[in-house]
Amino acid sequence: DNICHIVNAPVDVPDKVQKQASDVALRAVGSLEGAGVFAVELFLTSSNG
């Protein structure tokens, strides 16, 4: 049903996953024009990680 039921923060993931997530977030925010505070939400599920 596409509803988030659990949030673990800070997340405990391997360094490789953390680096990939950081790279994705930086590219996403870097592609936006403007200034301010941006939030990027990423979801790690049993089927993708």
PDB file of N, CA and C in Angstrom:
ATOM      1  N   ASP A   1       0.806  -1.194   0.000  1.00  0.00           N
ATOM      2  CA  ASP A   1       0.000   0.000   0.000  1.00  0.00           C
ATOM      3  C   ASP A   1       0.854   1.265   0.000  1.00  0.00           C
ATOM      4  N   ASN A   2       2.164   1.114  -0.207  1.00  0.00           N
ATOM      5  CA  ASN A   2       3.082   2.250  -0.343  1.00  0.00           C
ATOM      6  C   ASN A   2       3.083   3.190   0.856  1.00  0.00           C
ATOM      7  N   ILE A   3       2.978   2.638   2.042  1.00  0.00           N
ATOM      8  CA  ILE A   3       3.014   3.441   3.255  1.00  0.00           C
ATOM      9  C   ILE A   3       4.237   3.020   4.065  1.00  0.00           C
ATOM     10  N   CYS A   4       4.996   3.994   4.495  1.00  0.00           N
ATOM     11  CA  CYS A   4       6.166   3.727   5.329  1.00  0.00           C
ATOM     12  C   CYS A   4       5.704   3.423   6.749  1.00  0.00           C
ATOM     13  N   HIS A   5       6.079   2.266   7.258  1.00  0.00           N
ATOM     14  CA  HIS A   5       5.654   1.855   8.594  1.00  0.00           C
ATOM     15  C   HIS A   5       6.751   2.014   9.647  1.00  0.00           C
ATOM     16  N   ILE A   6       8.021   1.960   9.232  1.00  0.00           N
ATOM     17  CA  ILE A   6       9.133   2.035  10.175  1.00  0.00           C
ATOM     18  C   ILE A   6      10.217   2.947   9.607  1.00  0.00           C
ATOM     19  N   VAL A   7      10.768   3.797  10.450  1.00  0.00           N
ATOM     20  CA  VAL A   7      11.898   4.639  10.072  1.00  0.00           C
ATOM     21  C   VAL A   7      13.014   4.387  11.073  1.00  0.00           C
ATOM     22  N   ASN A   8      14.194   4.056  10.571  1.00  0.00           N
ATOM     23  CA  ASN A   8      15.375   3.883  11.413  1.00  0.00           C
ATOM     24  C   ASN A   8      16.333   5.025  11.115  1.00  0.00           C
ATOM     25  N   ALA A   9      16.562   5.881  12.074  1.00  0.00           N
ATOM     26  CA  ALA A   9      17.445   7.018  11.848  1.00  0.00           C
ATOM     27  C   ALA A   9      18.311   7.231  13.076  1.00  0.00           C
ATOM     28  N   PRO A  10      19.597   7.396  12.915  1.00  0.00           N
ATOM     29  CA  PRO A  10      20.296   7.271  11.642  1.00  0.00           C
ATOM     30  C   PRO A  10      20.337   5.815  11.206  1.00  0.00           C
ATOM     31  N   VAL A  11      20.368   5.626   9.923  1.00  0.00           N
ATOM     32  CA  VAL A  11      20.302   4.283   9.367  1.00  0.00           C
ATOM     33  C   VAL A  11      21.640   3.554   9.554  1.00  0.00           C
ATOM     34  N   ASP A  12      21.563   2.261   9.754  1.00  0.00           N
ATOM     35  CA  ASP A  12      22.749   1.426   9.902  1.00  0.00           C
ATOM     36  C   ASP A  12      22.900   0.595   8.635  1.00  0.00           C
ATOM     37  N   VAL A  13      23.633   1.139   7.668  1.00  0.00           N
ATOM     38  CA  VAL A  13      23.848   0.451   6.394  1.00  0.00           C
ATOM     39  C   VAL A  13      25.345   0.424   6.102  1.00  0.00           C
ATOM     40  N   PRO A  14      25.757  -0.468   5.213  1.00  0.00           N
ATOM     41  CA  PRO A  14      27.172  -0.505   4.834  1.00  0.00           C
ATOM     42  C   PRO A  14      27.620   0.828   4.226  1.00  0.00           C
ATOM     43  N   ASP A  15      28.909   1.116   4.344  1.00  0.00           N
ATOM     44  CA  ASP A  15      29.458   2.363   3.802  1.00  0.00           C
ATOM     45  C   ASP A  15      29.150   2.534   2.322  1.00  0.00           C
ATOM     46  N   LYS A  16      29.171   1.435   1.562  1.00  0.00           N
ATOM     47  CA  LYS A  16      28.892   1.507   0.119  1.00  0.00           C
ATOM     48  C   LYS A  16      27.474   2.027  -0.135  1.00  0.00           C
ATOM     49  N   VAL A  17      26.510   1.551   0.631  1.00  0.00           N
ATOM     50  CA  VAL A  17      25.122   1.995   0.476  1.00  0.00           C
ATOM     51  C   VAL A  17      24.999   3.459   0.881  1.00  0.00           C
ATOM     52  N   GLN A  18      25.661   3.848   1.969  1.00  0.00           N
ATOM     53  CA  GLN A  18      25.644   5.246   2.413  1.00  0.00           C
ATOM     54  C   GLN A  18      26.203   6.160   1.332  1.00  0.00           C
ATOM     55  N   LYS A  19      27.302   5.747   0.701  1.00  0.00           N
ATOM     56  CA  LYS A  19      27.928   6.546  -0.363  1.00  0.00           C
ATOM     57  C   LYS A  19      27.001   6.668  -1.555  1.00  0.00           C
ATOM     58  N   GLN A  20      26.365   5.577  -1.956  1.00  0.00           N
ATOM     59  CA  GLN A  20      25.433   5.618  -3.083  1.00  0.00           C
ATOM     60  C   GLN A  20      24.265   6.554  -2.784  1.00  0.00           C
ATOM     61  N   ALA A  21      23.726   6.485  -1.588  1.00  0.00           N
ATOM     62  CA  ALA A  21      22.607   7.348  -1.206  1.00  0.00           C
ATOM     63  C   ALA A  21      23.031   8.812  -1.208  1.00  0.00           C
ATOM     64  N   SER A  22      24.195   9.091  -0.674  1.00  0.00           N
ATOM     65  CA  SER A  22      24.701  10.460  -0.644  1.00  0.00           C
ATOM     66  C   SER A  22      24.906  10.991  -2.055  1.00  0.00           C
ATOM     67  N   ASP A  23      25.470  10.170  -2.932  1.00  0.00           N
ATOM     68  CA  ASP A  23      25.688  10.578  -4.321  1.00  0.00           C
ATOM     69  C   ASP A  23      24.369  10.891  -5.022  1.00  0.00           C
ATOM     70  N   VAL A  24      23.369  10.050  -4.829  1.00  0.00           N
ATOM     71  CA  VAL A  24      22.052  10.270  -5.440  1.00  0.00           C
ATOM     72  C   VAL A  24      21.453  11.577  -4.930  1.00  0.00           C
ATOM     73  N   ALA A  25      21.508  11.790  -3.621  1.00  0.00           N
ATOM     74  CA  ALA A  25      20.931  13.003  -3.034  1.00  0.00           C
ATOM     75  C   ALA A  25      21.647  14.253  -3.532  1.00  0.00           C
ATOM     76  N   LEU A  26      22.967  14.215  -3.586  1.00  0.00           N
ATOM     77  CA  LEU A  26      23.722  15.376  -4.056  1.00  0.00           C
ATOM     78  C   LEU A  26      23.431  15.678  -5.519  1.00  0.00           C
ATOM     79  N   ARG A  27      23.307  14.652  -6.354  1.00  0.00           N
ATOM     80  CA  ARG A  27      22.970  14.871  -7.765  1.00  0.00           C
ATOM     81  C   ARG A  27      21.567  15.438  -7.905  1.00  0.00           C
ATOM     82  N   ALA A  28      20.633  14.914  -7.124  1.00  0.00           N
ATOM     83  CA  ALA A  28      19.244  15.386  -7.202  1.00  0.00           C
ATOM     84  C   ALA A  28      19.150  16.857  -6.815  1.00  0.00           C
ATOM     85  N   VAL A  29      19.725  17.221  -5.690  1.00  0.00           N
ATOM     86  CA  VAL A  29      19.656  18.610  -5.230  1.00  0.00           C
ATOM     87  C   VAL A  29      20.485  19.514  -6.142  1.00  0.00           C
ATOM     88  N   GLY A  30      21.595  19.008  -6.635  1.00  0.00           N
ATOM     89  CA  GLY A  30      22.436  19.792  -7.537  1.00  0.00           C
ATOM     90  C   GLY A  30      21.761  20.127  -8.853  1.00  0.00           C
ATOM     91  N   SER A  31      20.765  19.354  -9.232  1.00  0.00           N
ATOM     92  CA  SER A  31      20.065  19.605 -10.495  1.00  0.00           C
ATOM     93  C   SER A  31      18.964  20.650 -10.348  1.00  0.00           C
ATOM     94  N   LEU A  32      18.691  21.079  -9.124  1.00  0.00           N
ATOM     95  CA  LEU A  32      17.639  22.059  -8.870  1.00  0.00           C
ATOM     96  C   LEU A  32      18.208  23.469  -8.882  1.00  0.00           C
ATOM     97  N   GLU A  33      17.383  24.402  -9.337  1.00  0.00           N
ATOM     98  CA  GLU A  33      17.776  25.804  -9.265  1.00  0.00           C
ATOM     99  C   GLU A  33      17.229  26.392  -7.975  1.00  0.00           C
ATOM    100  N   GLY A  34      17.928  27.354  -7.445  1.00  0.00           N
ATOM    101  CA  GLY A  34      17.443  28.015  -6.247  1.00  0.00           C
ATOM    102  C   GLY A  34      18.341  27.745  -5.066  1.00  0.00           C
ATOM    103  N   ALA A  35      17.983  28.374  -3.986  1.00  0.00           N
ATOM    104  CA  ALA A  35      18.740  28.227  -2.751  1.00  0.00           C
ATOM    105  C   ALA A  35      17.772  27.934  -1.621  1.00  0.00           C
ATOM    106  N   GLY A  36      18.270  27.307  -0.612  1.00  0.00           N
ATOM    107  CA  GLY A  36      17.415  27.018   0.526  1.00  0.00           C
ATOM    108  C   GLY A  36      17.747  25.675   1.127  1.00  0.00           C
ATOM    109  N   VAL A  37      16.823  25.173   1.883  1.00  0.00           N
ATOM    110  CA  VAL A  37      16.983  23.879   2.534  1.00  0.00           C
ATOM    111  C   VAL A  37      16.199  22.848   1.742  1.00  0.00           C
ATOM    112  N   PHE A  38      16.853  21.778   1.351  1.00  0.00           N
ATOM    113  CA  PHE A  38      16.211  20.710   0.596  1.00  0.00           C
ATOM    114  C   PHE A  38      16.250  19.425   1.417  1.00  0.00           C
ATOM    115  N   ALA A  39      15.256  18.607   1.244  1.00  0.00           N
ATOM    116  CA  ALA A  39      15.224  17.297   1.891  1.00  0.00           C
ATOM    117  C   ALA A  39      15.109  16.229   0.814  1.00  0.00           C
ATOM    118  N   VAL A  40      15.855  15.174   0.969  1.00  0.00           N
ATOM    119  CA  VAL A  40      15.798  14.045   0.042  1.00  0.00           C
ATOM    120  C   VAL A  40      15.480  12.805   0.866  1.00  0.00           C
ATOM    121  N   GLU A  41      14.412  12.131   0.511  1.00  0.00           N
ATOM    122  CA  GLU A  41      14.038  10.897   1.201  1.00  0.00           C
ATOM    123  C   GLU A  41      14.357   9.714   0.302  1.00  0.00           C
ATOM    124  N   LEU A  42      15.046   8.741   0.847  1.00  0.00           N
ATOM    125  CA  LEU A  42      15.383   7.519   0.126  1.00  0.00           C
ATOM    126  C   LEU A  42      14.871   6.348   0.946  1.00  0.00           C
ATOM    127  N   PHE A  43      14.406   5.323   0.261  1.00  0.00           N
ATOM    128  CA  PHE A  43      13.826   4.170   0.937  1.00  0.00           C
ATOM    129  C   PHE A  43      14.594   2.915   0.565  1.00  0.00           C
ATOM    130  N   LEU A  44      15.021   2.182   1.550  1.00  0.00           N
ATOM    131  CA  LEU A  44      15.702   0.905   1.368  1.00  0.00           C
ATOM    132  C   LEU A  44      14.721  -0.181   1.779  1.00  0.00           C
ATOM    133  N   THR A  45      14.384  -1.042   0.834  1.00  0.00           N
ATOM    134  CA  THR A  45      13.413  -2.100   1.105  1.00  0.00           C
ATOM    135  C   THR A  45      14.077  -3.461   1.010  1.00  0.00           C
ATOM    136  N   SER A  46      13.368  -4.479   1.391  1.00  0.00           N
ATOM    137  CA  SER A  46      13.918  -5.834   1.314  1.00  0.00           C
ATOM    138  C   SER A  46      14.182  -6.246  -0.125  1.00  0.00           C
ATOM    139  N   SER A  47      13.501  -5.641  -1.094  1.00  0.00           N
ATOM    140  CA  SER A  47      13.703  -6.014  -2.494  1.00  0.00           C
ATOM    141  C   SER A  47      14.836  -5.232  -3.150  1.00  0.00           C
ATOM    142  N   ASN A  48      15.299  -4.134  -2.551  1.00  0.00           N
ATOM    143  CA  ASN A  48      16.376  -3.374  -3.181  1.00  0.00           C
ATOM    144  C   ASN A  48      17.604  -3.233  -2.290  1.00  0.00           C
ATOM    145  N   GLY A  49      17.657  -3.919  -1.211  1.00  0.00           N
ATOM    146  CA  GLY A  49      18.857  -3.785  -0.411  1.00  0.00           C
ATOM    147  C   GLY A  49      18.833  -4.543   0.842  1.00  0.00           C
TER     148      GLY A  49
END
